């Protein structure tokens, strides 16, 4: 048996446990996927919440609109921002878990 053939037949769990270059590449892929997800959702939060003060600065009339007796900026930034952030957090957890499940599926897949 050639050394290359033995390495090709190793299960991915062994590469992770022994911290081989293949295992490092697998973990780096997971970290990269999680970082990309975090950056995308951070951009959603910055765009979603950051655009509101900009809107009120550009169109001051919008800031004077009353909703349930309160000014619209207070309603959007003071009340509705929290459910928005909870929703983004919930989405992040679901998608991060999916990334981890995909990683686990690669690691534990049966060898053909």
PDB file of N, CA and C in Angstrom:
ATOM      1  N   UNK A   1       0.839  -1.167   0.000  1.00  0.00           N
ATOM      2  CA  UNK A   1       0.000   0.000   0.000  1.00  0.00           C
ATOM      3  C   UNK A   1       0.894   1.243   0.000  1.00  0.00           C
ATOM      4  N   UNK A   2       0.588   2.178  -0.843  1.00  0.00           N
ATOM      5  CA  UNK A   2       1.330   3.419  -0.959  1.00  0.00           C
ATOM      6  C   UNK A   2       0.838   4.377   0.127  1.00  0.00           C
ATOM      7  N   UNK A   3       1.730   5.219   0.637  1.00  0.00           N
ATOM      8  CA  UNK A   3       1.374   6.147   1.706  1.00  0.00           C
ATOM      9  C   UNK A   3       0.226   7.064   1.293  1.00  0.00           C
ATOM     10  N   UNK A   4       0.182   7.514   0.065  1.00  0.00           N
ATOM     11  CA  UNK A   4      -0.888   8.382  -0.424  1.00  0.00           C
ATOM     12  C   UNK A   4      -2.234   7.693  -0.375  1.00  0.00           C
ATOM     13  N   UNK A   5      -2.262   6.380  -0.653  1.00  0.00           N
ATOM     14  CA  UNK A   5      -3.517   5.640  -0.594  1.00  0.00           C
ATOM     15  C   UNK A   5      -4.013   5.533   0.834  1.00  0.00           C
ATOM     16  N   UNK A   6      -3.104   5.351   1.781  1.00  0.00           N
ATOM     17  CA  UNK A   6      -3.496   5.248   3.185  1.00  0.00           C
ATOM     18  C   UNK A   6      -4.076   6.572   3.667  1.00  0.00           C
ATOM     19  N   UNK A   7      -3.467   7.677   3.246  1.00  0.00           N
ATOM     20  CA  UNK A   7      -3.972   8.990   3.655  1.00  0.00           C
ATOM     21  C   UNK A   7      -5.329   9.265   3.030  1.00  0.00           C
ATOM     22  N   UNK A   8      -5.545   8.780   1.815  1.00  0.00           N
ATOM     23  CA  UNK A   8      -6.814   9.009   1.149  1.00  0.00           C
ATOM     24  C   UNK A   8      -7.936   8.220   1.805  1.00  0.00           C
ATOM     25  N   UNK A   9      -7.642   7.142   2.499  1.00  0.00           N
ATOM     26  CA  UNK A   9      -8.667   6.302   3.123  1.00  0.00           C
ATOM     27  C   UNK A   9      -8.917   6.660   4.584  1.00  0.00           C
ATOM     28  N   UNK A  10      -8.209   7.640   5.102  1.00  0.00           N
ATOM     29  CA  UNK A  10      -8.385   8.024   6.502  1.00  0.00           C
ATOM     30  C   UNK A  10      -9.728   8.701   6.678  1.00  0.00           C
ATOM     31  N   UNK A  11     -10.415   8.403   7.744  1.00  0.00           N
ATOM     32  CA  UNK A  11     -11.675   9.116   7.992  1.00  0.00           C
ATOM     33  C   UNK A  11     -11.392  10.559   8.403  1.00  0.00           C
ATOM     34  N   UNK A  12     -12.270  11.486   8.045  1.00  0.00           N
ATOM     35  CA  UNK A  12     -12.050  12.897   8.396  1.00  0.00           C
ATOM     36  C   UNK A  12     -11.964  13.126   9.903  1.00  0.00           C
ATOM     37  N   UNK A  13     -12.632  12.267  10.697  1.00  0.00           N
ATOM     38  CA  UNK A  13     -12.545  12.442  12.157  1.00  0.00           C
ATOM     39  C   UNK A  13     -11.102  12.318  12.630  1.00  0.00           C
ATOM     40  N   UNK A  14     -10.353  11.404  12.018  1.00  0.00           N
ATOM     41  CA  UNK A  14      -8.948  11.224  12.400  1.00  0.00           C
ATOM     42  C   UNK A  14      -8.139  12.468  12.046  1.00  0.00           C
ATOM     43  N   UNK A  15      -8.441  13.082  10.904  1.00  0.00           N
ATOM     44  CA  UNK A  15      -7.733  14.304  10.518  1.00  0.00           C
ATOM     45  C   UNK A  15      -7.995  15.419  11.525  1.00  0.00           C
ATOM     46  N   UNK A  16      -9.221  15.503  12.035  1.00  0.00           N
ATOM     47  CA  UNK A  16      -9.529  16.524  13.030  1.00  0.00           C
ATOM     48  C   UNK A  16      -8.850  16.222  14.356  1.00  0.00           C
ATOM     49  N   UNK A  17      -8.951  14.966  14.800  1.00  0.00           N
ATOM     50  CA  UNK A  17      -8.394  14.585  16.093  1.00  0.00           C
ATOM     51  C   UNK A  17      -6.874  14.744  16.120  1.00  0.00           C
ATOM     52  N   UNK A  18      -6.232  14.421  15.020  1.00  0.00           N
ATOM     53  CA  UNK A  18      -4.767  14.487  14.964  1.00  0.00           C
ATOM     54  C   UNK A  18      -4.262  15.836  14.459  1.00  0.00           C
ATOM     55  N   UNK A  19      -5.155  16.747  14.171  1.00  0.00           N
ATOM     56  CA  UNK A  19      -4.839  18.088  13.709  1.00  0.00           C
ATOM     57  C   UNK A  19      -3.915  18.076  12.492  1.00  0.00           C
ATOM     58  N   UNK A  20      -4.304  17.299  11.495  1.00  0.00           N
ATOM     59  CA  UNK A  20      -3.553  17.244  10.250  1.00  0.00           C
ATOM     60  C   UNK A  20      -3.912  18.456   9.395  1.00  0.00           C
ATOM     61  N   UNK A  21      -3.158  18.695   8.325  1.00  0.00           N
ATOM     62  CA  UNK A  21      -3.502  19.814   7.432  1.00  0.00           C
ATOM     63  C   UNK A  21      -4.911  19.679   6.840  1.00  0.00           C
ATOM     64  N   UNK A  22      -5.361  18.462   6.594  1.00  0.00           N
ATOM     65  CA  UNK A  22      -6.719  18.270   6.067  1.00  0.00           C
ATOM     66  C   UNK A  22      -7.738  18.686   7.118  1.00  0.00           C
ATOM     67  N   UNK A  23      -7.512  18.272   8.359  1.00  0.00           N
ATOM     68  CA  UNK A  23      -8.411  18.671   9.447  1.00  0.00           C
ATOM     69  C   UNK A  23      -8.431  20.173   9.645  1.00  0.00           C
ATOM     70  N   UNK A  24      -7.258  20.795   9.557  1.00  0.00           N
ATOM     71  CA  UNK A  24      -7.187  22.255   9.677  1.00  0.00           C
ATOM     72  C   UNK A  24      -7.980  22.934   8.565  1.00  0.00           C
ATOM     73  N   UNK A  25      -7.883  22.393   7.357  1.00  0.00           N
ATOM     74  CA  UNK A  25      -8.623  22.969   6.228  1.00  0.00           C
ATOM     75  C   UNK A  25     -10.124  22.834   6.442  1.00  0.00           C
ATOM     76  N   UNK A  26     -10.560  21.708   6.984  1.00  0.00           N
ATOM     77  CA  UNK A  26     -11.983  21.520   7.265  1.00  0.00           C
ATOM     78  C   UNK A  26     -12.479  22.518   8.303  1.00  0.00           C
ATOM     79  N   UNK A  27     -11.722  22.701   9.358  1.00  0.00           N
ATOM     80  CA  UNK A  27     -12.118  23.642  10.406  1.00  0.00           C
ATOM     81  C   UNK A  27     -12.075  25.070   9.883  1.00  0.00           C
ATOM     82  N   UNK A  28     -11.050  25.416   9.091  1.00  0.00           N
ATOM     83  CA  UNK A  28     -10.979  26.765   8.511  1.00  0.00           C
ATOM     84  C   UNK A  28     -12.187  27.032   7.615  1.00  0.00           C
ATOM     85  N   UNK A  29     -12.639  26.014   6.893  1.00  0.00           N
ATOM     86  CA  UNK A  29     -13.824  26.176   6.058  1.00  0.00           C
ATOM     87  C   UNK A  29     -15.057  26.489   6.888  1.00  0.00           C
ATOM     88  N   UNK A  30     -15.199  25.797   8.024  1.00  0.00           N
ATOM     89  CA  UNK A  30     -16.327  26.070   8.916  1.00  0.00           C
ATOM     90  C   UNK A  30     -16.235  27.476   9.495  1.00  0.00           C
ATOM     91  N   UNK A  31     -15.068  27.864   9.947  1.00  0.00           N
ATOM     92  CA  UNK A  31     -14.883  29.200  10.527  1.00  0.00           C
ATOM     93  C   UNK A  31     -15.166  30.260   9.471  1.00  0.00           C
ATOM     94  N   UNK A  32     -14.706  30.031   8.258  1.00  0.00           N
ATOM     95  CA  UNK A  32     -14.937  30.982   7.164  1.00  0.00           C
ATOM     96  C   UNK A  32     -16.432  31.117   6.867  1.00  0.00           C
ATOM     97  N   UNK A  33     -17.145  29.992   6.874  1.00  0.00           N
ATOM     98  CA  UNK A  33     -18.592  30.028   6.620  1.00  0.00           C
ATOM     99  C   UNK A  33     -19.313  30.783   7.735  1.00  0.00           C
ATOM    100  N   UNK A  34     -18.908  30.563   8.989  1.00  0.00           N
ATOM    101  CA  UNK A  34     -19.548  31.255  10.103  1.00  0.00           C
ATOM    102  C   UNK A  34     -19.242  32.757  10.066  1.00  0.00           C
ATOM    103  N   UNK A  35     -18.017  33.102   9.702  1.00  0.00           N
ATOM    104  CA  UNK A  35     -17.653  34.517   9.596  1.00  0.00           C
ATOM    105  C   UNK A  35     -18.437  35.192   8.478  1.00  0.00           C
ATOM    106  N   UNK A  36     -18.566  34.543   7.350  1.00  0.00           N
ATOM    107  CA  UNK A  36     -19.324  35.118   6.235  1.00  0.00           C
ATOM    108  C   UNK A  36     -20.783  35.341   6.638  1.00  0.00           C
ATOM    109  N   UNK A  37     -21.352  34.392   7.357  1.00  0.00           N
ATOM    110  CA  UNK A  37     -22.731  34.542   7.822  1.00  0.00           C
ATOM    111  C   UNK A  37     -22.850  35.731   8.771  1.00  0.00           C
ATOM    112  N   UNK A  38     -21.932  35.833   9.718  1.00  0.00           N
ATOM    113  CA  UNK A  38     -21.969  36.935  10.680  1.00  0.00           C
ATOM    114  C   UNK A  38     -21.824  38.287   9.974  1.00  0.00           C
ATOM    115  N   UNK A  39     -20.945  38.360   8.991  1.00  0.00           N
ATOM    116  CA  UNK A  39     -20.759  39.626   8.273  1.00  0.00           C
ATOM    117  C   UNK A  39     -21.989  39.995   7.452  1.00  0.00           C
ATOM    118  N   UNK A  40     -22.607  38.991   6.810  1.00  0.00           N
ATOM    119  CA  UNK A  40     -23.819  39.279   6.028  1.00  0.00           C
ATOM    120  C   UNK A  40     -24.943  39.791   6.923  1.00  0.00           C
ATOM    121  N   UNK A  41     -25.150  39.150   8.063  1.00  0.00           N
ATOM    122  CA  UNK A  41     -26.232  39.586   8.939  1.00  0.00           C
ATOM    123  C   UNK A  41     -25.900  40.906   9.633  1.00  0.00           C
ATOM    124  N   UNK A  42     -24.630  41.164   9.870  1.00  0.00           N
ATOM    125  CA  UNK A  42     -24.240  42.470  10.403  1.00  0.00           C
ATOM    126  C   UNK A  42     -24.567  43.569   9.399  1.00  0.00           C
ATOM    127  N   UNK A  43     -24.347  43.281   8.139  1.00  0.00           N
ATOM    128  CA  UNK A  43     -24.680  44.236   7.089  1.00  0.00           C
ATOM    129  C   UNK A  43     -26.184  44.494   7.037  1.00  0.00           C
ATOM    130  N   UNK A  44     -26.978  43.446   7.250  1.00  0.00           N
ATOM    131  CA  UNK A  44     -28.438  43.605   7.288  1.00  0.00           C
ATOM    132  C   UNK A  44     -28.832  44.529   8.439  1.00  0.00           C
ATOM    133  N   UNK A  45     -28.232  44.333   9.605  1.00  0.00           N
ATOM    134  CA  UNK A  45     -28.560  45.168  10.769  1.00  0.00           C
ATOM    135  C   UNK A  45     -28.127  46.609  10.536  1.00  0.00           C
ATOM    136  N   UNK A  46     -26.917  46.797  10.026  1.00  0.00           N
ATOM    137  CA  UNK A  46     -26.424  48.154   9.781  1.00  0.00           C
ATOM    138  C   UNK A  46     -27.290  48.856   8.732  1.00  0.00           C
ATOM    139  N   UNK A  47     -27.640  48.130   7.680  1.00  0.00           N
ATOM    140  CA  UNK A  47     -28.472  48.741   6.637  1.00  0.00           C
ATOM    141  C   UNK A  47     -29.882  49.004   7.160  1.00  0.00           C
ATOM    142  N   UNK A  48     -30.424  48.061   7.898  1.00  0.00           N
ATOM    143  CA  UNK A  48     -31.800  48.214   8.392  1.00  0.00           C
ATOM    144  C   UNK A  48     -31.950  49.314   9.425  1.00  0.00           C
ATOM    145  N   UNK A  49     -31.078  49.315  10.406  1.00  0.00           N
ATOM    146  CA  UNK A  49     -31.197  50.319  11.461  1.00  0.00           C
ATOM    147  C   UNK A  49     -30.459  51.612  11.126  1.00  0.00           C
ATOM    148  N   UNK A  50     -29.395  51.515  10.366  1.00  0.00           N
ATOM    149  CA  UNK A  50     -28.632  52.708  10.014  1.00  0.00           C
ATOM    150  C   UNK A  50     -29.341  53.585   8.997  1.00  0.00           C
ATOM    151  N   UNK A  51     -30.197  52.986   8.206  1.00  0.00           N
ATOM    152  CA  UNK A  51     -30.910  53.762   7.200  1.00  0.00           C
ATOM    153  C   UNK A  51     -32.012  54.630   7.817  1.00  0.00           C
ATOM    154  N   UNK A  52     -32.508  54.259   8.979  1.00  0.00           N
ATOM    155  CA  UNK A  52     -33.604  55.027   9.580  1.00  0.00           C
ATOM    156  C   UNK A  52     -33.184  56.438  10.001  1.00  0.00           C
ATOM    157  N   UNK A  53     -32.094  56.610  10.744  1.00  0.00           N
ATOM    158  CA  UNK A  53     -31.693  57.993  11.057  1.00  0.00           C
ATOM    159  C   UNK A  53     -31.367  58.799   9.801  1.00  0.00           C
ATOM    160  N   UNK A  54     -30.800  58.114   8.816  1.00  0.00           N
ATOM    161  CA  UNK A  54     -30.515  58.798   7.556  1.00  0.00           C
ATOM    162  C   UNK A  54     -31.809  59.263   6.894  1.00  0.00           C
ATOM    163  N   UNK A  55     -32.818  58.413   6.913  1.00  0.00           N
ATOM    164  CA  UNK A  55     -34.123  58.780   6.348  1.00  0.00           C
ATOM    165  C   UNK A  55     -34.699  59.989   7.069  1.00  0.00           C
ATOM    166  N   UNK A  56     -34.627  59.987   8.391  1.00  0.00           N
ATOM    167  CA  UNK A  56     -35.193  61.094   9.159  1.00  0.00           C
ATOM    168  C   UNK A  56     -34.390  62.385   8.971  1.00  0.00           C
ATOM    169  N   UNK A  57     -33.101  62.275   8.688  1.00  0.00           N
ATOM    170  CA  UNK A  57     -32.284  63.469   8.438  1.00  0.00           C
ATOM    171  C   UNK A  57     -32.564  64.033   7.052  1.00  0.00           C
ATOM    172  N   UNK A  58     -32.754  63.150   6.080  1.00  0.00           N
ATOM    173  CA  UNK A  58     -32.988  63.588   4.701  1.00  0.00           C
ATOM    174  C   UNK A  58     -34.412  64.094   4.512  1.00  0.00           C
ATOM    175  N   UNK A  59     -35.364  63.426   5.148  1.00  0.00           N
ATOM    176  CA  UNK A  59     -36.778  63.804   5.018  1.00  0.00           C
ATOM    177  C   UNK A  59     -37.335  64.092   6.412  1.00  0.00           C
ATOM    178  N   UNK A  60     -37.110  65.277   6.944  1.00  0.00           N
ATOM    179  CA  UNK A  60     -37.549  65.579   8.307  1.00  0.00           C
ATOM    180  C   UNK A  60     -39.060  65.462   8.509  1.00  0.00           C
ATOM    181  N   UNK A  61     -39.808  65.605   7.453  1.00  0.00           N
ATOM    182  CA  UNK A  61     -41.263  65.481   7.563  1.00  0.00           C
ATOM    183  C   UNK A  61     -41.688  64.086   7.979  1.00  0.00           C
ATOM    184  N   UNK A  62     -40.935  63.090   7.570  1.00  0.00           N
ATOM    185  CA  UNK A  62     -41.244  61.704   7.945  1.00  0.00           C
ATOM    186  C   UNK A  62     -41.083  61.533   9.451  1.00  0.00           C
ATOM    187  N   UNK A  63     -40.131  62.227  10.037  1.00  0.00           N
ATOM    188  CA  UNK A  63     -39.894  62.128  11.473  1.00  0.00           C
ATOM    189  C   UNK A  63     -40.991  62.748  12.315  1.00  0.00           C
ATOM    190  N   UNK A  64     -41.836  63.558  11.695  1.00  0.00           N
ATOM    191  CA  UNK A  64     -42.922  64.200  12.438  1.00  0.00           C
ATOM    192  C   UNK A  64     -44.229  63.430  12.348  1.00  0.00           C
ATOM    193  N   UNK A  65     -44.236  62.334  11.632  1.00  0.00           N
ATOM    194  CA  UNK A  65     -45.443  61.509  11.527  1.00  0.00           C
ATOM    195  C   UNK A  65     -45.727  60.873  12.885  1.00  0.00           C
ATOM    196  N   UNK A  66     -46.987  60.888  13.273  1.00  0.00           N
ATOM    197  CA  UNK A  66     -47.399  60.309  14.555  1.00  0.00           C
ATOM    198  C   UNK A  66     -48.011  58.932  14.325  1.00  0.00           C
ATOM    199  N   UNK A  67     -47.604  57.972  15.166  1.00  0.00           N
ATOM    200  CA  UNK A  67     -48.161  56.625  15.158  1.00  0.00           C
ATOM    201  C   UNK A  67     -48.544  56.298  16.591  1.00  0.00           C
ATOM    202  N   UNK A  68     -49.819  56.070  16.829  1.00  0.00           N
ATOM    203  CA  UNK A  68     -50.324  55.773  18.168  1.00  0.00           C
ATOM    204  C   UNK A  68     -49.894  56.857  19.165  1.00  0.00           C
ATOM    205  N   UNK A  69     -49.886  58.099  18.722  1.00  0.00           N
ATOM    206  CA  UNK A  69     -49.556  59.207  19.597  1.00  0.00           C
ATOM    207  C   UNK A  69     -48.067  59.437  19.793  1.00  0.00           C
ATOM    208  N   UNK A  70     -47.226  58.638  19.160  1.00  0.00           N
ATOM    209  CA  UNK A  70     -45.771  58.810  19.288  1.00  0.00           C
ATOM    210  C   UNK A  70     -45.194  59.142  17.920  1.00  0.00           C
ATOM    211  N   UNK A  71     -44.064  59.863  17.937  1.00  0.00           N
ATOM    212  CA  UNK A  71     -43.382  60.163  16.679  1.00  0.00           C
ATOM    213  C   UNK A  71     -42.851  58.871  16.061  1.00  0.00           C
ATOM    214  N   UNK A  72     -42.858  58.817  14.737  1.00  0.00           N
ATOM    215  CA  UNK A  72     -42.419  57.628  14.008  1.00  0.00           C
ATOM    216  C   UNK A  72     -40.995  57.188  14.361  1.00  0.00           C
ATOM    217  N   UNK A  73     -40.019  58.105  14.530  1.00  0.00           N
ATOM    218  CA  UNK A  73     -38.673  57.642  14.908  1.00  0.00           C
ATOM    219  C   UNK A  73     -38.654  56.866  16.223  1.00  0.00           C
ATOM    220  N   UNK A  74     -39.451  57.304  17.201  1.00  0.00           N
ATOM    221  CA  UNK A  74     -39.505  56.582  18.471  1.00  0.00           C
ATOM    222  C   UNK A  74     -40.108  55.200  18.295  1.00  0.00           C
ATOM    223  N   UNK A  75     -41.108  55.106  17.459  1.00  0.00           N
ATOM    224  CA  UNK A  75     -41.740  53.804  17.222  1.00  0.00           C
ATOM    225  C   UNK A  75     -40.764  52.869  16.532  1.00  0.00           C
ATOM    226  N   UNK A  76     -40.100  53.350  15.487  1.00  0.00           N
ATOM    227  CA  UNK A  76     -39.208  52.477  14.720  1.00  0.00           C
ATOM    228  C   UNK A  76     -37.930  52.131  15.487  1.00  0.00           C
ATOM    229  N   UNK A  77     -37.270  53.151  16.035  1.00  0.00           N
ATOM    230  CA  UNK A  77     -35.990  52.903  16.704  1.00  0.00           C
ATOM    231  C   UNK A  77     -36.158  52.443  18.149  1.00  0.00           C
ATOM    232  N   UNK A  78     -37.212  52.878  18.805  1.00  0.00           N
ATOM    233  CA  UNK A  78     -37.394  52.539  20.208  1.00  0.00           C
ATOM    234  C   UNK A  78     -38.161  51.259  20.449  1.00  0.00           C
ATOM    235  N   UNK A  79     -39.083  50.935  19.574  1.00  0.00           N
ATOM    236  CA  UNK A  79     -39.911  49.747  19.791  1.00  0.00           C
ATOM    237  C   UNK A  79     -39.662  48.635  18.777  1.00  0.00           C
ATOM    238  N   UNK A  80     -39.705  48.976  17.518  1.00  0.00           N
ATOM    239  CA  UNK A  80     -39.633  47.939  16.485  1.00  0.00           C
ATOM    240  C   UNK A  80     -38.215  47.446  16.208  1.00  0.00           C
ATOM    241  N   UNK A  81     -37.219  48.162  16.702  1.00  0.00           N
ATOM    242  CA  UNK A  81     -35.846  47.697  16.474  1.00  0.00           C
ATOM    243  C   UNK A  81     -35.552  46.423  17.264  1.00  0.00           C
ATOM    244  N   UNK A  82     -36.154  46.261  18.416  1.00  0.00           N
ATOM    245  CA  UNK A  82     -35.877  45.079  19.231  1.00  0.00           C
ATOM    246  C   UNK A  82     -36.400  43.790  18.598  1.00  0.00           C
ATOM    247  N   UNK A  83     -37.642  43.750  18.112  1.00  0.00           N
ATOM    248  CA  UNK A  83     -38.068  42.528  17.401  1.00  0.00           C
ATOM    249  C   UNK A  83     -37.223  42.259  16.152  1.00  0.00           C
ATOM    250  N   UNK A  84     -36.780  43.321  15.483  1.00  0.00           N
ATOM    251  CA  UNK A  84     -35.913  43.151  14.319  1.00  0.00           C
ATOM    252  C   UNK A  84     -34.602  42.482  14.721  1.00  0.00           C
ATOM    253  N   UNK A  85     -33.995  42.958  15.806  1.00  0.00           N
ATOM    254  CA  UNK A  85     -32.731  42.376  16.267  1.00  0.00           C
ATOM    255  C   UNK A  85     -32.915  40.943  16.759  1.00  0.00           C
ATOM    256  N   UNK A  86     -34.023  40.663  17.408  1.00  0.00           N
ATOM    257  CA  UNK A  86     -34.303  39.285  17.839  1.00  0.00           C
ATOM    258  C   UNK A  86     -34.462  38.389  16.623  1.00  0.00           C
ATOM    259  N   UNK A  87     -35.136  38.871  15.604  1.00  0.00           N
ATOM    260  CA  UNK A  87     -35.306  38.088  14.375  1.00  0.00           C
ATOM    261  C   UNK A  87     -33.981  37.811  13.682  1.00  0.00           C
ATOM    262  N   UNK A  88     -33.115  38.798  13.624  1.00  0.00           N
ATOM    263  CA  UNK A  88     -31.796  38.599  13.016  1.00  0.00           C
ATOM    264  C   UNK A  88     -30.989  37.603  13.849  1.00  0.00           C
ATOM    265  N   UNK A  89     -31.073  37.717  15.163  1.00  0.00           N
ATOM    266  CA  UNK A  89     -30.376  36.774  16.038  1.00  0.00           C
ATOM    267  C   UNK A  89     -30.889  35.357  15.864  1.00  0.00           C
ATOM    268  N   UNK A  90     -32.191  35.205  15.761  1.00  0.00           N
ATOM    269  CA  UNK A  90     -32.805  33.890  15.543  1.00  0.00           C
ATOM    270  C   UNK A  90     -32.337  33.307  14.206  1.00  0.00           C
ATOM    271  N   UNK A  91     -32.323  34.131  13.169  1.00  0.00           N
ATOM    272  CA  UNK A  91     -31.868  33.664  11.855  1.00  0.00           C
ATOM    273  C   UNK A  91     -30.399  33.261  11.908  1.00  0.00           C
ATOM    274  N   UNK A  92     -29.581  34.043  12.623  1.00  0.00           N
ATOM    275  CA  UNK A  92     -28.162  33.713  12.728  1.00  0.00           C
ATOM    276  C   UNK A  92     -27.966  32.353  13.389  1.00  0.00           C
ATOM    277  N   UNK A  93     -28.673  32.113  14.481  1.00  0.00           N
ATOM    278  CA  UNK A  93     -28.531  30.841  15.187  1.00  0.00           C
ATOM    279  C   UNK A  93     -28.944  29.678  14.283  1.00  0.00           C
ATOM    280  N   UNK A  94     -30.055  29.819  13.587  1.00  0.00           N
ATOM    281  CA  UNK A  94     -30.515  28.742  12.693  1.00  0.00           C
ATOM    282  C   UNK A  94     -29.505  28.460  11.587  1.00  0.00           C
ATOM    283  N   UNK A  95     -29.003  29.514  10.954  1.00  0.00           N
ATOM    284  CA  UNK A  95     -28.072  29.324   9.839  1.00  0.00           C
ATOM    285  C   UNK A  95     -26.701  28.861  10.314  1.00  0.00           C
ATOM    286  N   UNK A  96     -26.283  29.311  11.496  1.00  0.00           N
ATOM    287  CA  UNK A  96     -25.006  28.846  12.050  1.00  0.00           C
ATOM    288  C   UNK A  96     -25.101  27.355  12.397  1.00  0.00           C
ATOM    289  N   UNK A  97     -26.234  26.949  12.947  1.00  0.00           N
ATOM    290  CA  UNK A  97     -26.427  25.527  13.241  1.00  0.00           C
ATOM    291  C   UNK A  97     -26.446  24.705  11.957  1.00  0.00           C
ATOM    292  N   UNK A  98     -27.029  25.252  10.905  1.00  0.00           N
ATOM    293  CA  UNK A  98     -27.035  24.543   9.622  1.00  0.00           C
ATOM    294  C   UNK A  98     -25.618  24.384   9.092  1.00  0.00           C
ATOM    295  N   UNK A  99     -24.792  25.433   9.228  1.00  0.00           N
ATOM    296  CA  UNK A  99     -23.382  25.327   8.821  1.00  0.00           C
ATOM    297  C   UNK A  99     -22.684  24.222   9.607  1.00  0.00           C
ATOM    298  N   UNK A 100     -22.947  24.162  10.904  1.00  0.00           N
ATOM    299  CA  UNK A 100     -22.323  23.137  11.731  1.00  0.00           C
ATOM    300  C   UNK A 100     -22.830  21.743  11.378  1.00  0.00           C
ATOM    301  N   UNK A 101     -24.109  21.623  11.035  1.00  0.00           N
ATOM    302  CA  UNK A 101     -24.647  20.328  10.620  1.00  0.00           C
ATOM    303  C   UNK A 101     -24.026  19.885   9.304  1.00  0.00           C
ATOM    304  N   UNK A 102     -23.844  20.818   8.389  1.00  0.00           N
ATOM    305  CA  UNK A 102     -23.181  20.478   7.126  1.00  0.00           C
ATOM    306  C   UNK A 102     -21.743  20.027   7.371  1.00  0.00           C
ATOM    307  N   UNK A 103     -21.046  20.709   8.282  1.00  0.00           N
ATOM    308  CA  UNK A 103     -19.684  20.334   8.641  1.00  0.00           C
ATOM    309  C   UNK A 103     -19.666  18.928   9.239  1.00  0.00           C
ATOM    310  N   UNK A 104     -20.594  18.666  10.145  1.00  0.00           N
ATOM    311  CA  UNK A 104     -20.676  17.346  10.774  1.00  0.00           C
ATOM    312  C   UNK A 104     -20.989  16.275   9.739  1.00  0.00           C
ATOM    313  N   UNK A 105     -21.861  16.603   8.779  1.00  0.00           N
ATOM    314  CA  UNK A 105     -22.193  15.627   7.727  1.00  0.00           C
ATOM    315  C   UNK A 105     -20.974  15.287   6.892  1.00  0.00           C
ATOM    316  N   UNK A 106     -20.122  16.270   6.625  1.00  0.00           N
ATOM    317  CA  UNK A 106     -18.887  16.000   5.864  1.00  0.00           C
ATOM    318  C   UNK A 106     -17.955  15.113   6.682  1.00  0.00           C
ATOM    319  N   UNK A 107     -17.868  15.374   7.956  1.00  0.00           N
ATOM    320  CA  UNK A 107     -16.955  14.629   8.819  1.00  0.00           C
ATOM    321  C   UNK A 107     -17.427  13.197   9.038  1.00  0.00           C
ATOM    322  N   UNK A 108     -18.717  12.999   9.209  1.00  0.00           N
ATOM    323  CA  UNK A 108     -19.227  11.684   9.567  1.00  0.00           C
ATOM    324  C   UNK A 108     -19.809  10.906   8.399  1.00  0.00           C
ATOM    325  N   UNK A 109     -19.626  11.388   7.188  1.00  0.00           N
ATOM    326  CA  UNK A 109     -20.208  10.680   6.043  1.00  0.00           C
ATOM    327  C   UNK A 109     -19.575   9.296   5.924  1.00  0.00           C
ATOM    328  N   UNK A 110     -20.354   8.299   5.546  1.00  0.00           N
ATOM    329  CA  UNK A 110     -19.793   6.960   5.385  1.00  0.00           C
ATOM    330  C   UNK A 110     -18.862   6.904   4.177  1.00  0.00           C
ATOM    331  N   UNK A 111     -17.750   6.228   4.353  1.00  0.00           N
ATOM    332  CA  UNK A 111     -16.799   6.076   3.269  1.00  0.00           C
ATOM    333  C   UNK A 111     -17.331   5.095   2.252  1.00  0.00           C
ATOM    334  N   UNK A 112     -17.157   5.415   0.986  1.00  0.00           N
ATOM    335  CA  UNK A 112     -17.661   4.555  -0.090  1.00  0.00           C
ATOM    336  C   UNK A 112     -16.693   3.412  -0.383  1.00  0.00           C
TER     337      UNK A 112
END
